[in-house]
Protein backbone atom coordinates (compact mmCIF):
# COMPACT_ATOMS: atom_id res chain seq x y z
CA UNK A 1 -8.37 34.45 39.21
CA UNK A 2 -10.98 32.24 40.90
CA UNK A 3 -13.00 32.14 37.68
CA UNK A 4 -9.95 31.03 35.68
CA UNK A 5 -9.24 28.27 38.20
CA UNK A 6 -12.88 27.20 38.12
CA UNK A 7 -12.86 27.08 34.31
CA UNK A 8 -9.59 25.14 34.35
CA UNK A 9 -10.99 22.68 36.92
CA UNK A 10 -14.14 22.17 34.84
CA UNK A 11 -12.08 21.66 31.69
CA UNK A 12 -9.82 19.11 33.40
CA UNK A 13 -12.86 17.34 34.83
CA UNK A 14 -14.47 17.18 31.38
CA UNK A 15 -11.30 15.89 29.75
CA UNK A 16 -10.85 13.30 32.48
CA UNK A 17 -14.41 12.03 32.15
CA UNK A 18 -14.11 11.94 28.35
CA UNK A 19 -10.89 9.91 28.64
CA UNK A 20 -12.49 7.54 31.15
CA UNK A 21 -15.54 7.17 28.94
CA UNK A 22 -13.37 6.13 25.99
CA UNK A 23 -11.63 3.55 28.13
CA UNK A 24 -14.92 2.06 29.28
CA UNK A 25 -16.15 1.84 25.69
CA UNK A 26 -13.54 -0.84 25.06
CA UNK A 27 -15.10 -4.27 25.10
CA UNK A 28 -13.41 -6.49 27.69
CA UNK A 29 -14.04 -10.21 27.37
CA UNK A 30 -12.95 -13.47 28.87
CA UNK A 31 -12.26 -16.11 26.22
CA UNK A 32 -15.76 -17.60 26.17
CA UNK A 33 -17.35 -14.17 25.81
CA UNK A 34 -14.90 -13.35 23.02
CA UNK A 35 -15.86 -16.52 21.15
CA UNK A 36 -19.56 -15.62 21.41
CA UNK A 37 -18.80 -12.11 20.13
CA UNK A 38 -16.88 -13.22 17.03
CA UNK A 39 -18.78 -13.60 13.76
CA UNK A 40 -18.95 -17.04 12.13
CA UNK A 41 -20.44 -16.06 8.80
CA UNK A 42 -19.41 -18.02 5.73
CA UNK A 43 -19.20 -14.84 3.63
CA UNK A 44 -16.98 -12.82 6.00
CA UNK A 45 -13.26 -13.32 6.54
CA UNK A 46 -12.23 -12.34 10.06
CA UNK A 47 -8.64 -11.35 10.82
CA UNK A 48 -7.97 -11.64 14.56
CA UNK A 49 -4.64 -10.19 15.62
CA UNK A 50 -3.51 -10.96 19.19
CA UNK A 51 -1.20 -8.19 20.37
CA UNK A 52 -0.25 -5.88 23.26
CA UNK A 53 1.11 -2.36 23.57
CA UNK A 54 4.21 -3.66 25.39
CA UNK A 55 5.09 -6.04 22.52
CA UNK A 56 7.56 -4.34 20.13
CA UNK A 57 6.94 -6.69 17.17
CA UNK A 58 3.18 -6.19 17.66
CA UNK A 59 3.52 -2.42 17.55
CA UNK A 60 5.82 -2.62 14.54
CA UNK A 61 3.28 -4.60 12.47
CA UNK A 62 0.29 -2.52 13.58
CA UNK A 63 0.42 -0.14 10.56
CA UNK A 64 -0.19 -3.10 8.24
CA UNK A 65 -3.33 -4.13 10.12
CA UNK A 66 -4.37 -0.47 10.10
CA UNK A 67 -3.93 -0.34 6.31
CA UNK A 68 -5.79 -3.62 5.90
CA UNK A 69 -8.69 -2.35 7.97
CA UNK A 70 -8.85 0.91 6.00
CA UNK A 71 -8.67 -0.91 2.66
CA UNK A 72 -11.65 -3.13 3.53
CA UNK A 73 -13.60 -0.55 5.57
CA UNK A 74 -16.44 -0.36 3.06
CA UNK A 75 -16.27 -4.06 2.18
CA UNK A 76 -18.06 -6.27 4.67
CA UNK A 77 -16.31 -9.38 3.39
CA UNK A 78 -13.21 -8.71 5.58
CA UNK A 79 -13.29 -7.68 9.24
CA UNK A 80 -10.14 -6.86 11.22
CA UNK A 81 -10.30 -7.20 15.01
CA UNK A 82 -7.31 -6.38 17.21
CA UNK A 83 -7.42 -8.46 20.39
CA UNK A 84 -5.37 -6.66 23.01
CA UNK A 85 -3.75 -8.74 25.72
CA UNK A 86 -2.92 -5.67 27.78
CA UNK A 87 -3.87 -5.95 31.44
CA UNK A 88 -7.24 -4.44 32.27
CA UNK A 89 -5.56 -2.25 34.90
CA UNK A 90 -3.54 -0.58 32.12
CA UNK A 91 -6.37 0.23 29.71
CA UNK A 92 -6.51 3.91 30.62
CA UNK A 93 -2.78 4.39 31.05
CA UNK A 94 -1.45 2.39 28.09
CA UNK A 95 -4.02 1.04 25.66
CA UNK A 96 -6.30 4.05 25.21
CA UNK A 97 -3.38 6.49 24.79
CA UNK A 98 -1.81 4.08 22.27
CA UNK A 99 -5.06 3.89 20.32
CA UNK A 100 -5.35 7.68 20.26
CA UNK A 101 -1.73 8.24 19.31
CA UNK A 102 -1.86 5.76 16.43
CA UNK A 103 -5.46 6.60 15.48
CA UNK A 104 -6.38 2.93 15.30
CA UNK A 105 -9.31 2.27 12.97
CA UNK A 106 -9.67 -1.49 13.35
CA UNK A 107 -11.93 -2.64 16.12
CA UNK A 108 -10.01 -3.18 19.36
CA UNK A 109 -11.25 -5.55 22.06
CA UNK A 110 -9.50 -6.65 25.24
CA UNK A 111 -9.06 -10.29 26.18
CA UNK A 112 -8.84 -10.49 29.96
CA UNK A 113 -8.75 -14.17 30.80
CA UNK A 114 -6.01 -15.25 33.21
CA UNK A 115 -6.27 -18.94 32.31
CA UNK A 116 -4.23 -18.68 29.09
CA UNK A 117 -3.31 -22.36 29.24
CA UNK A 118 -6.98 -23.17 28.71
CA UNK A 119 -7.74 -20.87 25.78
CA UNK A 120 -4.48 -20.68 23.80
CA UNK A 121 -4.95 -24.23 22.45
CA UNK A 122 -8.53 -23.36 21.52
CA UNK A 123 -7.27 -20.56 19.27
CA UNK A 124 -4.81 -22.96 17.65
CA UNK A 125 -3.08 -26.07 19.05
CA UNK A 126 0.24 -24.98 17.52
CA UNK A 127 0.24 -21.63 19.36
CA UNK A 128 2.88 -21.34 22.08
CA UNK A 129 1.18 -18.22 23.45
CA UNK A 130 3.80 -15.82 22.05
CA UNK A 131 2.58 -12.67 20.35
CA UNK A 132 2.04 -11.31 17.82
CA UNK A 133 -0.24 -14.04 16.57
CA UNK A 134 -2.94 -13.81 13.94
CA UNK A 135 -5.88 -16.04 13.13
CA UNK A 136 -7.63 -15.73 9.76
CA UNK A 137 -10.95 -17.54 9.52
CA UNK A 138 -14.06 -17.75 7.43
CA UNK A 139 -16.69 -20.14 8.72
CA UNK A 140 -14.81 -23.35 9.53
CA UNK A 141 -11.78 -22.55 7.38
CA UNK A 142 -8.84 -21.08 9.29
CA UNK A 143 -5.15 -20.25 9.06
CA UNK A 144 -3.02 -19.36 12.07
CA UNK A 145 0.30 -17.49 12.16
CA UNK A 146 2.54 -16.99 15.17
CA UNK A 147 4.78 -14.38 13.62
CA UNK A 148 5.15 -10.73 12.71
CA UNK A 149 3.91 -9.43 9.41
CA UNK A 150 6.15 -7.07 7.45
CA UNK A 151 3.81 -5.60 4.86
CA UNK A 152 0.22 -5.12 3.79
CA UNK A 153 0.99 -7.30 0.78
CA UNK A 154 1.93 -10.18 3.06
CA UNK A 155 -1.45 -9.94 4.80
CA UNK A 156 -3.32 -9.62 1.52
CA UNK A 157 -1.58 -12.71 0.12
CA UNK A 158 -3.15 -14.72 2.94
CA UNK A 159 -6.54 -13.13 2.39
CA UNK A 160 -6.38 -14.14 -1.28
CA UNK A 161 -6.09 -17.80 -0.26
CA UNK A 162 -9.62 -17.63 1.15
């Protein structure tokens, strides 16, 4: 009996440390760090989707960003980055389980910058701060959308304009 409890305790400890390790592998940035992290190559289109696990329209459109990421996985000309606005205190309890459940393939980073009034206008002056919001950019060319997307085709139509 003691051996079974010991094995169970070791297993739970391993699973807990594995879960914690996955949570710490998420990149957490303030806005300036996020800007430094983002590519600015002329030959790569970056799709930045601002979202959160608590946002129903964000979750509803997530499969389309997933499909987009999978479609361009081997093509370095399009990069999809999901910028989570979930609170850092909820990474292990909400974000990581969401990522596992939905098997998210796009890169997920966390934006943890409490001064939203400072950085929202820097993303796009027309942005009210509501999510979902998506920025498409290549070099200095950009298009911003404060809306939900309803299909992969809708996303690809924007990509084709670049």
